[in-house]
Amino acid sequence: MTAVQVHPTQANAERRYVVTRADLPLSCPMPSMALWNSHPRVYLPIEAEGESDCPYCGAHFVLQD
């Protein structure tokens, strides 16, 4: 039996990310991103304003309804 390898997406590869409510609570890097080559995970408040910037890498997240 062969194990299937799942490779996480590269962290901080984009400057802008569109996220949905399914992605909440929002963190940068996101759970689907590799953490080993990025900054520490930080949770971002996005619900109130609909947008948030990561204080570490400056990635801009936009909440899509």
PDB file of N, CA and C in Angstrom:
ATOM      1  N   MET A   1       0.849  -1.179   0.000  1.00  0.00           N
ATOM      2  CA  MET A   1       0.000   0.000   0.000  1.00  0.00           C
ATOM      3  C   MET A   1       0.893   1.240   0.000  1.00  0.00           C
ATOM      4  N   THR A   2       0.599   2.183  -0.864  1.00  0.00           N
ATOM      5  CA  THR A   2       1.371   3.405  -0.982  1.00  0.00           C
ATOM      6  C   THR A   2       0.659   4.525  -0.248  1.00  0.00           C
ATOM      7  N   ALA A   3       1.412   5.238   0.576  1.00  0.00           N
ATOM      8  CA  ALA A   3       0.837   6.366   1.305  1.00  0.00           C
ATOM      9  C   ALA A   3       0.726   7.567   0.371  1.00  0.00           C
ATOM     10  N   VAL A   4      -0.364   8.277   0.474  1.00  0.00           N
ATOM     11  CA  VAL A   4      -0.567   9.479  -0.319  1.00  0.00           C
ATOM     12  C   VAL A   4       0.023  10.647   0.452  1.00  0.00           C
ATOM     13  N   GLN A   5       0.907  11.387  -0.211  1.00  0.00           N
ATOM     14  CA  GLN A   5       1.513  12.539   0.443  1.00  0.00           C
ATOM     15  C   GLN A   5       0.743  13.803   0.070  1.00  0.00           C
ATOM     16  N   VAL A   6       0.400  14.562   1.074  1.00  0.00           N
ATOM     17  CA  VAL A   6      -0.285  15.827   0.859  1.00  0.00           C
ATOM     18  C   VAL A   6       0.714  16.925   1.166  1.00  0.00           C
ATOM     19  N   HIS A   7       0.961  17.774   0.190  1.00  0.00           N
ATOM     20  CA  HIS A   7       1.910  18.857   0.371  1.00  0.00           C
ATOM     21  C   HIS A   7       1.154  20.144   0.657  1.00  0.00           C
ATOM     22  N   PRO A   8       1.461  20.791   1.768  1.00  0.00           N
ATOM     23  CA  PRO A   8       0.788  22.058   2.064  1.00  0.00           C
ATOM     24  C   PRO A   8       1.211  23.130   1.063  1.00  0.00           C
ATOM     25  N   THR A   9       0.340  24.116   0.874  1.00  0.00           N
ATOM     26  CA  THR A   9       0.674  25.218  -0.020  1.00  0.00           C
ATOM     27  C   THR A   9       1.748  26.072   0.628  1.00  0.00           C
ATOM     28  N   GLN A  10       2.452  26.817  -0.196  1.00  0.00           N
ATOM     29  CA  GLN A  10       3.517  27.665   0.311  1.00  0.00           C
ATOM     30  C   GLN A  10       2.931  28.818   1.117  1.00  0.00           C
ATOM     31  N   ALA A  11       3.465  29.033   2.280  1.00  0.00           N
ATOM     32  CA  ALA A  11       2.990  30.122   3.134  1.00  0.00           C
ATOM     33  C   ALA A  11       3.488  31.462   2.605  1.00  0.00           C
ATOM     34  N   ASN A  12       2.664  32.465   2.736  1.00  0.00           N
ATOM     35  CA  ASN A  12       3.019  33.838   2.403  1.00  0.00           C
ATOM     36  C   ASN A  12       3.443  34.013   0.954  1.00  0.00           C
ATOM     37  N   ALA A  13       2.920  33.202   0.057  1.00  0.00           N
ATOM     38  CA  ALA A  13       3.271  33.304  -1.357  1.00  0.00           C
ATOM     39  C   ALA A  13       2.518  34.444  -2.042  1.00  0.00           C
ATOM     40  N   GLU A  14       1.368  34.793  -1.522  1.00  0.00           N
ATOM     41  CA  GLU A  14       0.549  35.847  -2.113  1.00  0.00           C
ATOM     42  C   GLU A  14       0.525  37.054  -1.183  1.00  0.00           C
ATOM     43  N   ARG A  15       0.164  38.195  -1.717  1.00  0.00           N
ATOM     44  CA  ARG A  15       0.021  39.397  -0.894  1.00  0.00           C
ATOM     45  C   ARG A  15      -1.437  39.611  -0.503  1.00  0.00           C
ATOM     46  N   ARG A  16      -2.368  38.954  -1.222  1.00  0.00           N
ATOM     47  CA  ARG A  16      -3.801  39.123  -0.958  1.00  0.00           C
ATOM     48  C   ARG A  16      -4.475  37.763  -1.026  1.00  0.00           C
ATOM     49  N   TYR A  17      -5.287  37.471  -0.017  1.00  0.00           N
ATOM     50  CA  TYR A  17      -6.017  36.212   0.047  1.00  0.00           C
ATOM     51  C   TYR A  17      -7.494  36.504   0.265  1.00  0.00           C
ATOM     52  N   VAL A  18      -8.345  35.813  -0.466  1.00  0.00           N
ATOM     53  CA  VAL A  18      -9.793  35.902  -0.259  1.00  0.00           C
ATOM     54  C   VAL A  18     -10.188  34.655   0.529  1.00  0.00           C
ATOM     55  N   VAL A  19     -10.848  34.873   1.679  1.00  0.00           N
ATOM     56  CA  VAL A  19     -11.242  33.778   2.554  1.00  0.00           C
ATOM     57  C   VAL A  19     -12.753  33.804   2.742  1.00  0.00           C
ATOM     58  N   THR A  20     -13.299  32.692   3.209  1.00  0.00           N
ATOM     59  CA  THR A  20     -14.729  32.596   3.477  1.00  0.00           C
ATOM     60  C   THR A  20     -14.945  32.295   4.950  1.00  0.00           C
ATOM     61  N   ARG A  21     -16.192  32.286   5.368  1.00  0.00           N
ATOM     62  CA  ARG A  21     -16.505  31.984   6.771  1.00  0.00           C
ATOM     63  C   ARG A  21     -16.061  30.574   7.158  1.00  0.00           C
ATOM     64  N   ALA A  22     -15.942  29.689   6.189  1.00  0.00           N
ATOM     65  CA  ALA A  22     -15.456  28.329   6.465  1.00  0.00           C
ATOM     66  C   ALA A  22     -13.996  28.343   6.918  1.00  0.00           C
ATOM     67  N   ASP A  23     -13.260  29.412   6.619  1.00  0.00           N
ATOM     68  CA  ASP A  23     -11.854  29.535   7.003  1.00  0.00           C
ATOM     69  C   ASP A  23     -11.670  30.110   8.407  1.00  0.00           C
ATOM     70  N   LEU A  24     -12.749  30.503   9.054  1.00  0.00           N
ATOM     71  CA  LEU A  24     -12.665  31.109  10.386  1.00  0.00           C
ATOM     72  C   LEU A  24     -12.524  30.044  11.458  1.00  0.00           C
ATOM     73  N   PRO A  25     -11.819  30.269  12.530  1.00  0.00           N
ATOM     74  CA  PRO A  25     -11.059  31.474  12.813  1.00  0.00           C
ATOM     75  C   PRO A  25      -9.857  31.580  11.873  1.00  0.00           C
ATOM     76  N   LEU A  26      -9.577  32.788  11.436  1.00  0.00           N
ATOM     77  CA  LEU A  26      -8.541  33.044  10.444  1.00  0.00           C
ATOM     78  C   LEU A  26      -7.178  33.157  11.101  1.00  0.00           C
ATOM     79  N   SER A  27      -6.219  32.446  10.538  1.00  0.00           N
ATOM     80  CA  SER A  27      -4.846  32.560  11.013  1.00  0.00           C
ATOM     81  C   SER A  27      -3.919  32.736   9.831  1.00  0.00           C
ATOM     82  N   CYS A  28      -2.789  33.343  10.074  1.00  0.00           N
ATOM     83  CA  CYS A  28      -1.737  33.464   9.072  1.00  0.00           C
ATOM     84  C   CYS A  28      -0.470  32.894   9.698  1.00  0.00           C
ATOM     85  N   PRO A  29       0.141  31.917   9.057  1.00  0.00           N
ATOM     86  CA  PRO A  29      -0.313  31.234   7.866  1.00  0.00           C
ATOM     87  C   PRO A  29      -1.553  30.393   8.157  1.00  0.00           C
ATOM     88  N   MET A  30      -2.324  30.148   7.101  1.00  0.00           N
ATOM     89  CA  MET A  30      -3.545  29.360   7.237  1.00  0.00           C
ATOM     90  C   MET A  30      -3.185  27.890   7.454  1.00  0.00           C
ATOM     91  N   PRO A  31      -4.092  27.090   8.017  1.00  0.00           N
ATOM     92  CA  PRO A  31      -3.798  25.680   8.294  1.00  0.00           C
ATOM     93  C   PRO A  31      -3.341  24.883   7.072  1.00  0.00           C
ATOM     94  N   SER A  32      -3.756  25.291   5.875  1.00  0.00           N
ATOM     95  CA  SER A  32      -3.350  24.566   4.667  1.00  0.00           C
ATOM     96  C   SER A  32      -1.951  24.945   4.195  1.00  0.00           C
ATOM     97  N   MET A  33      -1.333  25.903   4.862  1.00  0.00           N
ATOM     98  CA  MET A  33      -0.005  26.380   4.465  1.00  0.00           C
ATOM     99  C   MET A  33       1.074  25.763   5.340  1.00  0.00           C
ATOM    100  N   ALA A  34       2.238  25.602   4.764  1.00  0.00           N
ATOM    101  CA  ALA A  34       3.378  25.082   5.517  1.00  0.00           C
ATOM    102  C   ALA A  34       3.780  26.089   6.585  1.00  0.00           C
ATOM    103  N   LEU A  35       4.005  25.614   7.771  1.00  0.00           N
ATOM    104  CA  LEU A  35       4.389  26.492   8.871  1.00  0.00           C
ATOM    105  C   LEU A  35       5.898  26.539   9.055  1.00  0.00           C
ATOM    106  N   TRP A  36       6.591  25.511   8.639  1.00  0.00           N
ATOM    107  CA  TRP A  36       8.024  25.406   8.904  1.00  0.00           C
ATOM    108  C   TRP A  36       8.841  26.516   8.250  1.00  0.00           C
ATOM    109  N   ASN A  37       8.368  27.080   7.138  1.00  0.00           N
ATOM    110  CA  ASN A  37       9.150  28.116   6.457  1.00  0.00           C
ATOM    111  C   ASN A  37       8.471  29.479   6.527  1.00  0.00           C
ATOM    112  N   SER A  38       7.742  29.705   7.585  1.00  0.00           N
ATOM    113  CA  SER A  38       6.990  30.938   7.715  1.00  0.00           C
ATOM    114  C   SER A  38       7.178  31.526   9.110  1.00  0.00           C
ATOM    115  N   HIS A  39       6.426  32.554   9.391  1.00  0.00           N
ATOM    116  CA  HIS A  39       6.447  33.179  10.715  1.00  0.00           C
ATOM    117  C   HIS A  39       5.527  32.404  11.654  1.00  0.00           C
ATOM    118  N   PRO A  40       5.562  32.695  12.955  1.00  0.00           N
ATOM    119  CA  PRO A  40       4.653  32.012  13.888  1.00  0.00           C
ATOM    120  C   PRO A  40       3.195  32.269  13.507  1.00  0.00           C
ATOM    121  N   ARG A  41       2.347  31.298  13.769  1.00  0.00           N
ATOM    122  CA  ARG A  41       0.918  31.444  13.446  1.00  0.00           C
ATOM    123  C   ARG A  41       0.307  32.522  14.342  1.00  0.00           C
ATOM    124  N   VAL A  42      -0.444  33.414  13.728  1.00  0.00           N
ATOM    125  CA  VAL A  42      -1.131  34.481  14.437  1.00  0.00           C
ATOM    126  C   VAL A  42      -2.583  34.487  13.969  1.00  0.00           C
ATOM    127  N   TYR A  43      -3.507  34.657  14.900  1.00  0.00           N
ATOM    128  CA  TYR A  43      -4.933  34.694  14.562  1.00  0.00           C
ATOM    129  C   TYR A  43      -5.341  36.138  14.293  1.00  0.00           C
ATOM    130  N   LEU A  44      -6.107  36.325  13.224  1.00  0.00           N
ATOM    131  CA  LEU A  44      -6.452  37.666  12.764  1.00  0.00           C
ATOM    132  C   LEU A  44      -7.946  37.937  12.923  1.00  0.00           C
ATOM    133  N   PRO A  45      -8.299  39.093  13.492  1.00  0.00           N
ATOM    134  CA  PRO A  45      -9.713  39.472  13.594  1.00  0.00           C
ATOM    135  C   PRO A  45     -10.187  40.016  12.254  1.00  0.00           C
ATOM    136  N   ILE A  46     -11.125  39.331  11.627  1.00  0.00           N
ATOM    137  CA  ILE A  46     -11.579  39.754  10.306  1.00  0.00           C
ATOM    138  C   ILE A  46     -13.093  39.931  10.240  1.00  0.00           C
ATOM    139  N   GLU A  47     -13.810  39.377  11.197  1.00  0.00           N
ATOM    140  CA  GLU A  47     -15.278  39.388  11.127  1.00  0.00           C
ATOM    141  C   GLU A  47     -15.871  40.795  11.138  1.00  0.00           C
ATOM    142  N   ALA A  48     -15.374  41.688  11.952  1.00  0.00           N
ATOM    143  CA  ALA A  48     -15.984  43.010  12.103  1.00  0.00           C
ATOM    144  C   ALA A  48     -15.806  43.893  10.873  1.00  0.00           C
ATOM    145  N   GLU A  49     -14.599  43.967  10.356  1.00  0.00           N
ATOM    146  CA  GLU A  49     -14.302  44.868   9.242  1.00  0.00           C
ATOM    147  C   GLU A  49     -14.366  44.197   7.873  1.00  0.00           C
ATOM    148  N   GLY A  50     -14.227  42.860   7.849  1.00  0.00           N
ATOM    149  CA  GLY A  50     -14.233  42.153   6.578  1.00  0.00           C
ATOM    150  C   GLY A  50     -12.875  42.086   5.911  1.00  0.00           C
ATOM    151  N   GLU A  51     -11.868  42.710   6.524  1.00  0.00           N
ATOM    152  CA  GLU A  51     -10.496  42.696   6.022  1.00  0.00           C
ATOM    153  C   GLU A  51      -9.540  42.701   7.201  1.00  0.00           C
ATOM    154  N   SER A  52      -8.349  42.151   6.984  1.00  0.00           N
ATOM    155  CA  SER A  52      -7.346  42.150   8.035  1.00  0.00           C
ATOM    156  C   SER A  52      -5.973  41.951   7.411  1.00  0.00           C
ATOM    157  N   ASP A  53      -4.958  42.549   8.020  1.00  0.00           N
ATOM    158  CA  ASP A  53      -3.576  42.400   7.569  1.00  0.00           C
ATOM    159  C   ASP A  53      -2.771  41.640   8.603  1.00  0.00           C
ATOM    160  N   CYS A  54      -1.889  40.780   8.142  1.00  0.00           N
ATOM    161  CA  CYS A  54      -1.011  40.043   9.041  1.00  0.00           C
ATOM    162  C   CYS A  54       0.099  40.975   9.518  1.00  0.00           C
ATOM    163  N   PRO A  55       0.308  41.053  10.831  1.00  0.00           N
ATOM    164  CA  PRO A  55       1.355  41.940  11.340  1.00  0.00           C
ATOM    165  C   PRO A  55       2.771  41.441  11.039  1.00  0.00           C
ATOM    166  N   TYR A  56       2.926  40.171  10.709  1.00  0.00           N
ATOM    167  CA  TYR A  56       4.249  39.622  10.421  1.00  0.00           C
ATOM    168  C   TYR A  56       4.653  39.815   8.965  1.00  0.00           C
ATOM    169  N   CYS A  57       3.813  39.353   8.042  1.00  0.00           N
ATOM    170  CA  CYS A  57       4.206  39.337   6.623  1.00  0.00           C
ATOM    171  C   CYS A  57       3.474  40.371   5.784  1.00  0.00           C
ATOM    172  N   GLY A  58       2.440  41.002   6.349  1.00  0.00           N
ATOM    173  CA  GLY A  58       1.708  42.025   5.620  1.00  0.00           C
ATOM    174  C   GLY A  58       0.671  41.490   4.655  1.00  0.00           C
ATOM    175  N   ALA A  59       0.440  40.175   4.642  1.00  0.00           N
ATOM    176  CA  ALA A  59      -0.586  39.612   3.758  1.00  0.00           C
ATOM    177  C   ALA A  59      -1.935  40.221   4.097  1.00  0.00           C
ATOM    178  N   HIS A  60      -2.690  40.541   3.070  1.00  0.00           N
ATOM    179  CA  HIS A  60      -4.005  41.165   3.236  1.00  0.00           C
ATOM    180  C   HIS A  60      -5.071  40.114   2.994  1.00  0.00           C
ATOM    181  N   PHE A  61      -5.963  39.932   3.967  1.00  0.00           N
ATOM    182  CA  PHE A  61      -7.046  38.957   3.880  1.00  0.00           C
ATOM    183  C   PHE A  61      -8.365  39.682   3.734  1.00  0.00           C
ATOM    184  N   VAL A  62      -9.199  39.198   2.821  1.00  0.00           N
ATOM    185  CA  VAL A  62     -10.524  39.778   2.568  1.00  0.00           C
ATOM    186  C   VAL A  62     -11.552  38.676   2.780  1.00  0.00           C
ATOM    187  N   LEU A  63     -12.562  38.963   3.607  1.00  0.00           N
ATOM    188  CA  LEU A  63     -13.627  37.992   3.892  1.00  0.00           C
ATOM    189  C   LEU A  63     -14.707  38.124   2.830  1.00  0.00           C
ATOM    190  N   GLN A  64     -14.950  37.036   2.119  1.00  0.00           N
ATOM    191  CA  GLN A  64     -15.967  37.003   1.079  1.00  0.00           C
ATOM    192  C   GLN A  64     -17.207  36.316   1.642  1.00  0.00           C
ATOM    193  N   ASP A  65     -18.347  36.970   1.538  1.00  0.00           N
ATOM    194  CA  ASP A  65     -19.596  36.386   2.036  1.00  0.00           C
ATOM    195  C   ASP A  65     -20.245  35.503   1.009  1.00  0.00           C
TER     196      ASP A  65
END
